[in-house]
Structures are given as structure tokens and as C-alpha cells.
Amino acid sequence: MRILAVVGVLAIIVGISAAVFFFGGFYSVAGTVEDPAIVRWALIQVRTADGACCSIPAMTRLQKGR
């Protein structure tokens, strides 16, 4: 039970840290700075997954129940 409490506290700390990082102005949303490698990788993964999902024609999606 104590391990679960530690995991919960760590999750809260990570969430607060992420909020401070993004909303505190430490992450630049301007297009003048190169994205970090992890952000570039994540954007490619999301774009690829979205393209794979949405490249199926609408009628085929309806027939498959999507």
C-alpha cells in the first residue's frame, strides 16, 4: 500500500512540474527554435497514427463499425 502512495505522490509531482514547465513559459512555442528530439519524435508518431486512422474511406469505416 505504501508503494502505491509513493507512486501517486510521484505522479502528482510530475504533473505539477509539467504544468510549471509548459505554463510557466519555459517551453518555447515559437517557430524560431528547433524542437527537441523527443518532441519531434512524438509529433511524427501522432501524425502517422492519425494518417493511418483517417486514411480509411468513410464508407469503409462505417462498414467496419468505426
PDB file of N, CA and C in Angstrom:
ATOM      1  N   MET A   1       0.821  -1.189   0.000  1.00  0.00           N
ATOM      2  CA  MET A   1       0.000   0.000   0.000  1.00  0.00           C
ATOM      3  C   MET A   1       0.869   1.259   0.000  1.00  0.00           C
ATOM      4  N   ARG A   2       1.991   1.172   0.678  1.00  0.00           N
ATOM      5  CA  ARG A   2       2.881   2.328   0.752  1.00  0.00           C
ATOM      6  C   ARG A   2       3.491   2.632  -0.613  1.00  0.00           C
ATOM      7  N   ILE A   3       3.754   1.575  -1.389  1.00  0.00           N
ATOM      8  CA  ILE A   3       4.322   1.770  -2.733  1.00  0.00           C
ATOM      9  C   ILE A   3       3.328   2.522  -3.616  1.00  0.00           C
ATOM     10  N   LEU A   4       2.062   2.172  -3.495  1.00  0.00           N
ATOM     11  CA  LEU A   4       1.031   2.854  -4.275  1.00  0.00           C
ATOM     12  C   LEU A   4       0.943   4.335  -3.902  1.00  0.00           C
ATOM     13  N   ALA A   5       1.109   4.641  -2.631  1.00  0.00           N
ATOM     14  CA  ALA A   5       1.090   6.037  -2.192  1.00  0.00           C
ATOM     15  C   ALA A   5       2.289   6.792  -2.760  1.00  0.00           C
ATOM     16  N   VAL A   6       3.454   6.143  -2.795  1.00  0.00           N
ATOM     17  CA  VAL A   6       4.648   6.776  -3.361  1.00  0.00           C
ATOM     18  C   VAL A   6       4.463   7.035  -4.849  1.00  0.00           C
ATOM     19  N   VAL A   7       3.891   6.055  -5.568  1.00  0.00           N
ATOM     20  CA  VAL A   7       3.637   6.238  -6.999  1.00  0.00           C
ATOM     21  C   VAL A   7       2.659   7.394  -7.216  1.00  0.00           C
ATOM     22  N   GLY A   8       1.634   7.489  -6.393  1.00  0.00           N
ATOM     23  CA  GLY A   8       0.672   8.590  -6.505  1.00  0.00           C
ATOM     24  C   GLY A   8       1.304   9.944  -6.260  1.00  0.00           C
ATOM     25  N   VAL A   9       2.151  10.029  -5.237  1.00  0.00           N
ATOM     26  CA  VAL A   9       2.839  11.292  -4.933  1.00  0.00           C
ATOM     27  C   VAL A   9       3.774  11.669  -6.080  1.00  0.00           C
ATOM     28  N   LEU A  10       4.490  10.689  -6.625  1.00  0.00           N
ATOM     29  CA  LEU A  10       5.384  10.974  -7.760  1.00  0.00           C
ATOM     30  C   LEU A  10       4.590  11.443  -8.976  1.00  0.00           C
ATOM     31  N   ALA A  11       3.431  10.846  -9.220  1.00  0.00           N
ATOM     32  CA  ALA A  11       2.595  11.266 -10.345  1.00  0.00           C
ATOM     33  C   ALA A  11       2.120  12.708 -10.161  1.00  0.00           C
ATOM     34  N   ILE A  12       1.755  13.060  -8.953  1.00  0.00           N
ATOM     35  CA  ILE A  12       1.327  14.431  -8.684  1.00  0.00           C
ATOM     36  C   ILE A  12       2.480  15.409  -8.883  1.00  0.00           C
ATOM     37  N   ILE A  13       3.661  15.037  -8.417  1.00  0.00           N
ATOM     38  CA  ILE A  13       4.839  15.904  -8.575  1.00  0.00           C
ATOM     39  C   ILE A  13       5.184  16.085 -10.045  1.00  0.00           C
ATOM     40  N   VAL A  14       5.124  14.999 -10.818  1.00  0.00           N
ATOM     41  CA  VAL A  14       5.410  15.095 -12.254  1.00  0.00           C
ATOM     42  C   VAL A  14       4.374  15.969 -12.947  1.00  0.00           C
ATOM     43  N   GLY A  15       3.103  15.824 -12.584  1.00  0.00           N
ATOM     44  CA  GLY A  15       2.052  16.644 -13.185  1.00  0.00           C
ATOM     45  C   GLY A  15       2.221  18.119 -12.890  1.00  0.00           C
ATOM     46  N   ILE A  16       2.532  18.435 -11.652  1.00  0.00           N
ATOM     47  CA  ILE A  16       2.751  19.837 -11.281  1.00  0.00           C
ATOM     48  C   ILE A  16       3.986  20.388 -11.985  1.00  0.00           C
ATOM     49  N   SER A  17       5.040  19.579 -12.068  1.00  0.00           N
ATOM     50  CA  SER A  17       6.262  20.019 -12.752  1.00  0.00           C
ATOM     51  C   SER A  17       6.003  20.278 -14.229  1.00  0.00           C
ATOM     52  N   ALA A  18       5.229  19.411 -14.867  1.00  0.00           N
ATOM     53  CA  ALA A  18       4.905  19.605 -16.286  1.00  0.00           C
ATOM     54  C   ALA A  18       4.086  20.879 -16.480  1.00  0.00           C
ATOM     55  N   ALA A  19       3.134  21.131 -15.585  1.00  0.00           N
ATOM     56  CA  ALA A  19       2.323  22.349 -15.686  1.00  0.00           C
ATOM     57  C   ALA A  19       3.191  23.597 -15.534  1.00  0.00           C
ATOM     58  N   VAL A  20       4.107  23.577 -14.578  1.00  0.00           N
ATOM     59  CA  VAL A  20       5.015  24.718 -14.390  1.00  0.00           C
ATOM     60  C   VAL A  20       5.892  24.905 -15.618  1.00  0.00           C
ATOM     61  N   PHE A  21       6.378  23.808 -16.181  1.00  0.00           N
ATOM     62  CA  PHE A  21       7.262  23.886 -17.355  1.00  0.00           C
ATOM     63  C   PHE A  21       6.532  24.496 -18.546  1.00  0.00           C
ATOM     64  N   PHE A  22       5.328  23.995 -18.849  1.00  0.00           N
ATOM     65  CA  PHE A  22       4.616  24.469 -20.034  1.00  0.00           C
ATOM     66  C   PHE A  22       3.946  25.822 -19.821  1.00  0.00           C
ATOM     67  N   PHE A  23       3.258  26.005 -18.698  1.00  0.00           N
ATOM     68  CA  PHE A  23       2.531  27.248 -18.471  1.00  0.00           C
ATOM     69  C   PHE A  23       3.416  28.350 -17.899  1.00  0.00           C
ATOM     70  N   GLY A  24       4.591  27.986 -17.411  1.00  0.00           N
ATOM     71  CA  GLY A  24       5.494  28.977 -16.842  1.00  0.00           C
ATOM     72  C   GLY A  24       6.346  29.689 -17.878  1.00  0.00           C
ATOM     73  N   GLY A  25       6.232  29.271 -19.130  1.00  0.00           N
ATOM     74  CA  GLY A  25       6.965  29.938 -20.196  1.00  0.00           C
ATOM     75  C   GLY A  25       8.337  29.359 -20.468  1.00  0.00           C
ATOM     76  N   PHE A  26       8.646  28.221 -19.879  1.00  0.00           N
ATOM     77  CA  PHE A  26       9.959  27.610 -20.113  1.00  0.00           C
ATOM     78  C   PHE A  26      10.011  26.882 -21.451  1.00  0.00           C
ATOM     79  N   TYR A  27       8.856  26.456 -21.969  1.00  0.00           N
ATOM     80  CA  TYR A  27       8.794  25.774 -23.258  1.00  0.00           C
ATOM     81  C   TYR A  27       8.405  26.789 -24.318  1.00  0.00           C
ATOM     82  N   SER A  28       9.248  26.942 -25.318  1.00  0.00           N
ATOM     83  CA  SER A  28       9.005  27.930 -26.368  1.00  0.00           C
ATOM     84  C   SER A  28       8.051  27.363 -27.419  1.00  0.00           C
ATOM     85  N   VAL A  29       6.946  28.062 -27.649  1.00  0.00           N
ATOM     86  CA  VAL A  29       6.004  27.640 -28.677  1.00  0.00           C
ATOM     87  C   VAL A  29       6.249  28.386 -29.989  1.00  0.00           C
ATOM     88  N   ALA A  30       7.233  29.244 -30.000  1.00  0.00           N
ATOM     89  CA  ALA A  30       7.568  29.979 -31.219  1.00  0.00           C
ATOM     90  C   ALA A  30       8.225  29.034 -32.229  1.00  0.00           C
ATOM     91  N   GLY A  31       8.096  29.359 -33.468  1.00  0.00           N
ATOM     92  CA  GLY A  31       8.679  28.530 -34.511  1.00  0.00           C
ATOM     93  C   GLY A  31      10.129  28.877 -34.802  1.00  0.00           C
ATOM     94  N   THR A  32      10.744  29.675 -33.946  1.00  0.00           N
ATOM     95  CA  THR A  32      12.113  30.114 -34.208  1.00  0.00           C
ATOM     96  C   THR A  32      13.162  29.171 -33.638  1.00  0.00           C
ATOM     97  N   VAL A  33      12.746  28.259 -32.757  1.00  0.00           N
ATOM     98  CA  VAL A  33      13.692  27.355 -32.104  1.00  0.00           C
ATOM     99  C   VAL A  33      13.396  25.932 -32.536  1.00  0.00           C
ATOM    100  N   GLU A  34      14.437  25.165 -32.815  1.00  0.00           N
ATOM    101  CA  GLU A  34      14.283  23.761 -33.200  1.00  0.00           C
ATOM    102  C   GLU A  34      13.658  22.969 -32.051  1.00  0.00           C
ATOM    103  N   ASP A  35      12.705  22.089 -32.381  1.00  0.00           N
ATOM    104  CA  ASP A  35      12.079  21.250 -31.359  1.00  0.00           C
ATOM    105  C   ASP A  35      13.080  20.227 -30.834  1.00  0.00           C
ATOM    106  N   PRO A  36      12.970  19.872 -29.548  1.00  0.00           N
ATOM    107  CA  PRO A  36      13.803  18.792 -29.026  1.00  0.00           C
ATOM    108  C   PRO A  36      13.486  17.477 -29.749  1.00  0.00           C
ATOM    109  N   ALA A  37      14.408  16.541 -29.719  1.00  0.00           N
ATOM    110  CA  ALA A  37      14.248  15.284 -30.444  1.00  0.00           C
ATOM    111  C   ALA A  37      13.008  14.515 -29.984  1.00  0.00           C
ATOM    112  N   ILE A  38      12.726  14.503 -28.700  1.00  0.00           N
ATOM    113  CA  ILE A  38      11.570  13.763 -28.196  1.00  0.00           C
ATOM    114  C   ILE A  38      10.268  14.376 -28.686  1.00  0.00           C
ATOM    115  N   VAL A  39      10.210  15.702 -28.796  1.00  0.00           N
ATOM    116  CA  VAL A  39       9.005  16.371 -29.297  1.00  0.00           C
ATOM    117  C   VAL A  39       8.841  16.070 -30.785  1.00  0.00           C
ATOM    118  N   ARG A  40       9.925  16.121 -31.532  1.00  0.00           N
ATOM    119  CA  ARG A  40       9.878  15.813 -32.963  1.00  0.00           C
ATOM    120  C   ARG A  40       9.393  14.379 -33.176  1.00  0.00           C
ATOM    121  N   TRP A  41       9.916  13.432 -32.365  1.00  0.00           N
ATOM    122  CA  TRP A  41       9.519  12.033 -32.466  1.00  0.00           C
ATOM    123  C   TRP A  41       8.028  11.877 -32.158  1.00  0.00           C
ATOM    124  N   ALA A  42       7.561  12.535 -31.096  1.00  0.00           N
ATOM    125  CA  ALA A  42       6.148  12.429 -30.700  1.00  0.00           C
ATOM    126  C   ALA A  42       5.235  12.993 -31.785  1.00  0.00           C
ATOM    127  N   LEU A  43       5.614  14.110 -32.387  1.00  0.00           N
ATOM    128  CA  LEU A  43       4.790  14.694 -33.448  1.00  0.00           C
ATOM    129  C   LEU A  43       4.703  13.766 -34.652  1.00  0.00           C
ATOM    130  N   ILE A  44       5.814  13.121 -34.999  1.00  0.00           N
ATOM    131  CA  ILE A  44       5.818  12.181 -36.124  1.00  0.00           C
ATOM    132  C   ILE A  44       4.924  10.987 -35.812  1.00  0.00           C
ATOM    133  N   GLN A  45       5.010  10.465 -34.583  1.00  0.00           N
ATOM    134  CA  GLN A  45       4.197   9.310 -34.200  1.00  0.00           C
ATOM    135  C   GLN A  45       2.705   9.637 -34.241  1.00  0.00           C
ATOM    136  N   VAL A  46       2.332  10.800 -33.724  1.00  0.00           N
ATOM    137  CA  VAL A  46       0.924  11.195 -33.714  1.00  0.00           C
ATOM    138  C   VAL A  46       0.428  11.418 -35.137  1.00  0.00           C
ATOM    139  N   ARG A  47       1.228  12.077 -35.956  1.00  0.00           N
ATOM    140  CA  ARG A  47       0.825  12.340 -37.339  1.00  0.00           C
ATOM    141  C   ARG A  47       0.661  11.033 -38.111  1.00  0.00           C
ATOM    142  N   THR A  48       1.572  10.077 -37.896  1.00  0.00           N
ATOM    143  CA  THR A  48       1.492   8.790 -38.577  1.00  0.00           C
ATOM    144  C   THR A  48       0.266   8.009 -38.117  1.00  0.00           C
ATOM    145  N   ALA A  49       0.009   7.996 -36.814  1.00  0.00           N
ATOM    146  CA  ALA A  49      -1.149   7.272 -36.290  1.00  0.00           C
ATOM    147  C   ALA A  49      -2.448   7.898 -36.795  1.00  0.00           C
ATOM    148  N   ASP A  50      -2.499   9.218 -36.861  1.00  0.00           N
ATOM    149  CA  ASP A  50      -3.696   9.891 -37.346  1.00  0.00           C
ATOM    150  C   ASP A  50      -3.906   9.594 -38.826  1.00  0.00           C
ATOM    151  N   GLY A  51      -2.840   9.594 -39.591  1.00  0.00           N
ATOM    152  CA  GLY A  51      -2.952   9.293 -41.015  1.00  0.00           C
ATOM    153  C   GLY A  51      -3.411   7.869 -41.252  1.00  0.00           C
ATOM    154  N   ALA A  52      -2.929   6.925 -40.441  1.00  0.00           N
ATOM    155  CA  ALA A  52      -3.342   5.533 -40.585  1.00  0.00           C
ATOM    156  C   ALA A  52      -4.807   5.366 -40.214  1.00  0.00           C
ATOM    157  N   CYS A  53      -5.244   6.102 -39.224  1.00  0.00           N
ATOM    158  CA  CYS A  53      -6.643   6.008 -38.779  1.00  0.00           C
ATOM    159  C   CYS A  53      -7.583   6.654 -39.791  1.00  0.00           C
ATOM    160  N   CYS A  54      -7.229   7.810 -40.238  1.00  0.00           N
ATOM    161  CA  CYS A  54      -8.146   8.598 -41.050  1.00  0.00           C
ATOM    162  C   CYS A  54      -7.987   8.380 -42.549  1.00  0.00           C
ATOM    163  N   SER A  55      -7.067   7.524 -42.967  1.00  0.00           N
ATOM    164  CA  SER A  55      -6.883   7.313 -44.397  1.00  0.00           C
ATOM    165  C   SER A  55      -7.874   6.289 -44.937  1.00  0.00           C
ATOM    166  N   ILE A  56      -8.651   5.639 -44.060  1.00  0.00           N
ATOM    167  CA  ILE A  56      -9.677   4.695 -44.491  1.00  0.00           C
ATOM    168  C   ILE A  56     -10.878   5.511 -44.970  1.00  0.00           C
ATOM    169  N   PRO A  57     -11.406   5.208 -46.151  1.00  0.00           N
ATOM    170  CA  PRO A  57     -12.575   5.955 -46.627  1.00  0.00           C
ATOM    171  C   PRO A  57     -13.741   5.854 -45.649  1.00  0.00           C
ATOM    172  N   ALA A  58     -14.588   6.868 -45.650  1.00  0.00           N
ATOM    173  CA  ALA A  58     -15.679   6.959 -44.678  1.00  0.00           C
ATOM    174  C   ALA A  58     -16.627   5.759 -44.785  1.00  0.00           C
ATOM    175  N   MET A  59     -16.951   5.309 -45.978  1.00  0.00           N
ATOM    176  CA  MET A  59     -17.887   4.197 -46.131  1.00  0.00           C
ATOM    177  C   MET A  59     -17.287   2.916 -45.544  1.00  0.00           C
ATOM    178  N   THR A  60     -15.996   2.706 -45.735  1.00  0.00           N
ATOM    179  CA  THR A  60     -15.337   1.525 -45.186  1.00  0.00           C
ATOM    180  C   THR A  60     -15.349   1.577 -43.674  1.00  0.00           C
ATOM    181  N   ARG A  61     -15.133   2.776 -43.093  1.00  0.00           N
ATOM    182  CA  ARG A  61     -15.178   2.922 -41.631  1.00  0.00           C
ATOM    183  C   ARG A  61     -16.563   2.576 -41.110  1.00  0.00           C
ATOM    184  N   LEU A  62     -17.603   3.009 -41.819  1.00  0.00           N
ATOM    185  CA  LEU A  62     -18.966   2.704 -41.381  1.00  0.00           C
ATOM    186  C   LEU A  62     -19.238   1.215 -41.445  1.00  0.00           C
ATOM    187  N   GLN A  63     -18.744   0.555 -42.494  1.00  0.00           N
ATOM    188  CA  GLN A  63     -18.968  -0.874 -42.634  1.00  0.00           C
ATOM    189  C   GLN A  63     -18.236  -1.657 -41.567  1.00  0.00           C
ATOM    190  N   LYS A  64     -17.077  -1.173 -41.137  1.00  0.00           N
ATOM    191  CA  LYS A  64     -16.308  -1.861 -40.115  1.00  0.00           C
ATOM    192  C   LYS A  64     -16.761  -1.478 -38.716  1.00  0.00           C
ATOM    193  N   GLY A  65     -17.679  -0.541 -38.594  1.00  0.00           N
ATOM    194  CA  GLY A  65     -18.195  -0.132 -37.296  1.00  0.00           C
ATOM    195  C   GLY A  65     -17.320   0.839 -36.563  1.00  0.00           C
ATOM    196  N   ARG A  66     -16.501   1.617 -37.250  1.00  0.00           N
ATOM    197  CA  ARG A  66     -15.619   2.598 -36.610  1.00  0.00           C
ATOM    198  C   ARG A  66     -16.291   3.927 -36.482  1.00  0.00           C
TER     199      ARG A  66
END
